[in-house]
Amino acid sequence: MTRLATALFAFAFSLSVAPAIAGDFADAAAVAEDLVATDTQQAAEAARIAYADFTGSLPFALVSAFFVTEPAEGYGMYTEHAGSFKPGQPILLYCEPIGLGWKEGGRGFQSAITVDFEITDSAGQVLGGQKKFGSFKFDSAVRNQEIMINLTMNVDGAEAGDYQLIYTFTDENSGETAVLPMPFSIAP
């Protein structure tokens, strides 16, 4: 009974918080919109801060993740790959995290993400992995929201077949994690 009561409380609490966050964002956006007529620069800055506050209230997650044909040069600048690779071909991943925890420091704000991975076969057996395979630090004058990560994986020697890369992203400031399973195949 206690678990049910706790779950119902958590659900009710999440419903009451979501409108408050959305309301704050809507209010801040209205302020930015009012500024457009008199000061475009202040309007843009108010909108940027409102969006950063809003996304900072979201749970850490990956909103986009794709295998890509080549490393992305910037946010949203990618070409998707179907996920079937030739033996020895590098496996390239592009992803966009959101809900990052930022702390003051450096140029103004800092955030950091580490990435672990496991690779499994079609039966789910773990074939290998590595903790902190990737480490990404962001040091910026603002709490950037358009952040992207490129990852490269080499699976030399893998036989033809179906596999899954399971990435675990950790926001080092908040401790939150996001798990990203990415099925792929090695062509014969």
Protein backbone atom coordinates (compact mmCIF):
# COMPACT_ATOMS: atom_id res chain seq x y z
CA MET A 1 0.00 0.00 0.00
CA THR A 2 2.85 2.39 0.81
CA ARG A 3 4.41 1.91 -2.64
CA LEU A 4 1.09 2.71 -4.31
CA ALA A 5 0.64 5.85 -2.19
CA THR A 6 4.20 6.96 -2.97
CA ALA A 7 3.68 6.34 -6.70
CA LEU A 8 0.39 8.26 -6.71
CA PHE A 9 2.00 11.16 -4.83
CA ALA A 10 4.93 11.26 -7.28
CA PHE A 11 2.52 11.20 -10.23
CA ALA A 12 0.36 13.99 -8.76
CA PHE A 13 3.48 16.03 -7.95
CA SER A 14 4.78 15.66 -11.52
CA LEU A 15 1.43 16.85 -12.88
CA SER A 16 1.49 19.92 -10.61
CA VAL A 17 5.10 20.85 -11.48
CA ALA A 18 4.80 20.57 -15.28
CA PRO A 19 2.26 23.43 -15.63
CA ALA A 20 4.39 25.63 -13.34
CA ILE A 21 7.45 25.11 -15.51
CA ALA A 22 5.43 25.63 -18.68
CA GLY A 23 3.81 28.74 -17.14
CA ASP A 24 7.20 30.24 -16.23
CA PHE A 25 8.41 29.58 -19.78
CA ALA A 26 5.26 31.12 -21.28
CA ASP A 27 5.61 34.19 -19.04
CA ALA A 28 9.29 34.63 -19.98
CA ALA A 29 8.47 34.19 -23.67
CA ALA A 30 5.78 36.88 -23.37
CA VAL A 31 8.36 39.27 -21.88
CA ALA A 32 10.72 38.49 -24.77
CA GLU A 33 7.91 39.05 -27.25
CA ASP A 34 7.07 42.44 -25.69
CA LEU A 35 10.71 43.48 -26.09
CA VAL A 36 10.77 42.76 -29.84
CA ALA A 37 9.21 46.11 -30.71
CA THR A 38 11.75 48.13 -28.71
CA ASP A 39 14.98 46.11 -28.43
CA THR A 40 15.63 43.07 -30.61
CA GLN A 41 18.88 42.22 -28.81
CA GLN A 42 17.25 42.21 -25.36
CA ALA A 43 14.30 40.24 -26.77
CA ALA A 44 16.63 37.57 -28.16
CA GLU A 45 18.60 37.42 -24.88
CA ALA A 46 15.39 37.10 -22.81
CA ALA A 47 14.16 34.29 -25.08
CA ARG A 48 17.53 32.49 -24.87
CA ILE A 49 17.57 32.68 -21.07
CA ALA A 50 13.93 31.52 -20.86
CA TYR A 51 14.69 28.54 -23.08
CA ALA A 52 17.84 27.67 -21.07
CA ASP A 53 15.83 27.84 -17.83
CA PHE A 54 13.09 25.66 -19.32
CA THR A 55 15.41 22.98 -20.74
CA GLY A 56 17.43 23.03 -17.51
CA SER A 57 14.27 21.94 -15.70
CA LEU A 58 13.89 18.89 -17.96
CA PRO A 59 15.33 15.49 -17.08
CA PHE A 60 18.65 14.73 -18.78
CA ALA A 61 17.89 12.91 -22.04
CA LEU A 62 18.94 12.46 -25.64
CA VAL A 63 16.40 14.04 -27.96
CA SER A 64 18.04 12.92 -31.21
CA ALA A 65 20.47 10.12 -31.93
CA PHE A 66 21.43 8.69 -35.30
CA PHE A 67 24.12 6.66 -36.95
CA VAL A 68 25.69 9.06 -39.44
CA THR A 69 27.82 8.85 -42.58
CA GLU A 70 30.49 11.22 -41.24
CA PRO A 71 31.09 13.21 -38.05
CA ALA A 72 28.77 16.21 -37.83
CA GLU A 73 30.43 19.60 -38.21
CA GLY A 74 27.85 21.23 -35.94
CA TYR A 75 24.44 20.96 -34.33
CA GLY A 76 21.92 19.45 -36.75
CA MET A 77 24.56 19.12 -39.48
CA TYR A 78 24.47 15.38 -40.13
CA THR A 79 23.52 12.80 -42.73
CA GLU A 80 21.85 9.69 -41.34
CA HIS A 81 23.29 6.24 -41.97
CA ALA A 82 21.01 3.19 -42.25
CA GLY A 83 22.86 1.21 -39.54
CA SER A 84 24.25 -1.62 -41.67
CA PHE A 85 28.04 -1.44 -41.76
CA LYS A 86 30.75 -3.19 -43.75
CA PRO A 87 33.35 -5.18 -41.80
CA GLY A 88 35.95 -2.76 -40.41
CA GLN A 89 33.83 0.33 -41.19
CA PRO A 90 33.74 2.81 -38.28
CA ILE A 91 30.34 3.23 -36.65
CA LEU A 92 29.62 6.93 -36.23
CA LEU A 93 26.95 8.25 -33.87
CA TYR A 94 25.51 11.77 -33.64
CA CYS A 95 23.37 12.72 -30.65
CA GLU A 96 21.84 15.78 -28.99
CA PRO A 97 21.55 15.88 -25.20
CA ILE A 98 19.04 18.08 -23.40
CA GLY A 99 18.38 18.89 -19.76
CA LEU A 100 22.08 19.38 -18.98
CA GLY A 101 23.14 20.48 -15.54
CA TRP A 102 25.25 23.64 -15.72
CA LYS A 103 27.44 25.03 -12.94
CA GLU A 104 29.19 28.35 -12.71
CA GLY A 105 32.87 28.36 -13.62
CA GLY A 106 35.32 28.83 -16.46
CA ARG A 107 33.95 31.32 -19.00
CA GLY A 108 30.68 31.48 -17.07
CA PHE A 109 29.07 28.04 -17.15
CA GLN A 110 30.35 24.48 -17.35
CA SER A 111 28.79 21.13 -18.10
CA ALA A 112 30.27 17.68 -18.64
CA ILE A 113 29.05 14.37 -20.03
CA THR A 114 30.71 10.97 -19.88
CA VAL A 115 29.73 8.01 -22.04
CA ASP A 116 30.00 4.29 -21.26
CA PHE A 117 29.15 1.56 -23.75
CA GLU A 118 28.41 -2.13 -24.03
CA ILE A 119 28.07 -4.12 -27.22
CA THR A 120 25.75 -7.11 -27.31
CA ASP A 121 25.03 -9.80 -29.88
CA SER A 122 21.56 -10.69 -31.18
CA ALA A 123 20.97 -12.93 -28.14
CA GLY A 124 21.73 -10.05 -25.74
CA GLN A 125 25.08 -11.48 -24.59
CA VAL A 126 27.53 -8.71 -23.66
CA LEU A 127 30.57 -8.95 -25.92
CA GLY A 128 32.50 -6.02 -24.48
CA GLY A 129 32.32 -2.49 -23.21
CA GLN A 130 34.13 0.37 -21.59
CA LYS A 131 33.38 2.86 -18.83
CA LYS A 132 34.01 6.53 -19.67
CA PHE A 133 34.60 5.65 -23.32
CA GLY A 134 33.87 9.29 -24.10
CA SER A 135 34.23 12.46 -22.06
CA PHE A 136 32.87 15.83 -23.18
CA LYS A 137 33.28 19.14 -21.37
CA PHE A 138 31.46 22.32 -22.27
CA ASP A 139 32.72 25.69 -21.05
CA SER A 140 30.65 28.64 -22.24
CA ALA A 141 29.59 32.18 -21.42
CA VAL A 142 25.96 30.96 -21.71
CA ARG A 143 24.09 27.74 -20.89
CA ASN A 144 24.15 26.41 -24.45
CA GLN A 145 21.21 24.29 -25.55
CA GLU A 146 22.29 23.33 -29.07
CA ILE A 147 24.90 20.79 -28.02
CA MET A 148 25.82 17.77 -30.07
CA ILE A 149 28.17 14.85 -29.56
CA ASN A 150 29.97 12.75 -32.16
CA LEU A 151 31.09 9.24 -31.17
CA THR A 152 33.16 6.81 -33.25
CA MET A 153 33.17 3.08 -32.55
CA ASN A 154 35.41 0.54 -34.27
CA VAL A 155 34.30 -3.08 -34.10
CA ASP A 156 37.10 -4.62 -36.13
CA GLY A 157 36.88 -8.39 -36.35
CA ALA A 158 33.14 -8.58 -35.68
CA GLU A 159 31.43 -11.30 -37.67
CA ALA A 160 28.48 -10.54 -39.94
CA GLY A 161 25.27 -10.32 -37.92
CA ASP A 162 23.03 -8.18 -35.75
CA TYR A 163 24.36 -6.32 -32.72
CA GLN A 164 23.42 -3.55 -30.34
CA LEU A 165 25.51 -0.74 -28.95
CA ILE A 166 24.15 0.37 -25.58
CA TYR A 167 25.48 3.79 -24.66
CA THR A 168 25.01 5.21 -21.16
CA PHE A 169 25.39 8.99 -21.02
CA THR A 170 25.97 10.59 -17.62
CA ASP A 171 25.51 14.28 -16.89
CA GLU A 172 28.43 14.78 -14.51
CA ASN A 173 26.85 17.83 -12.82
CA SER A 174 23.46 16.30 -12.01
CA GLY A 175 24.43 12.61 -11.92
CA GLU A 176 21.46 11.81 -14.18
CA THR A 177 21.90 9.16 -16.87
CA ALA A 178 20.32 8.44 -20.23
CA VAL A 179 20.58 5.00 -21.83
CA LEU A 180 20.66 4.80 -25.61
CA PRO A 181 20.33 1.36 -27.27
CA MET A 182 21.40 1.50 -30.94
CA PRO A 183 20.82 -1.68 -32.96
CA PHE A 184 23.09 -2.16 -35.98
CA SER A 185 24.35 -4.89 -38.25
CA ILE A 186 27.61 -5.94 -39.86
CA ALA A 187 27.00 -6.92 -43.46
CA PRO A 188 28.52 -10.13 -44.83
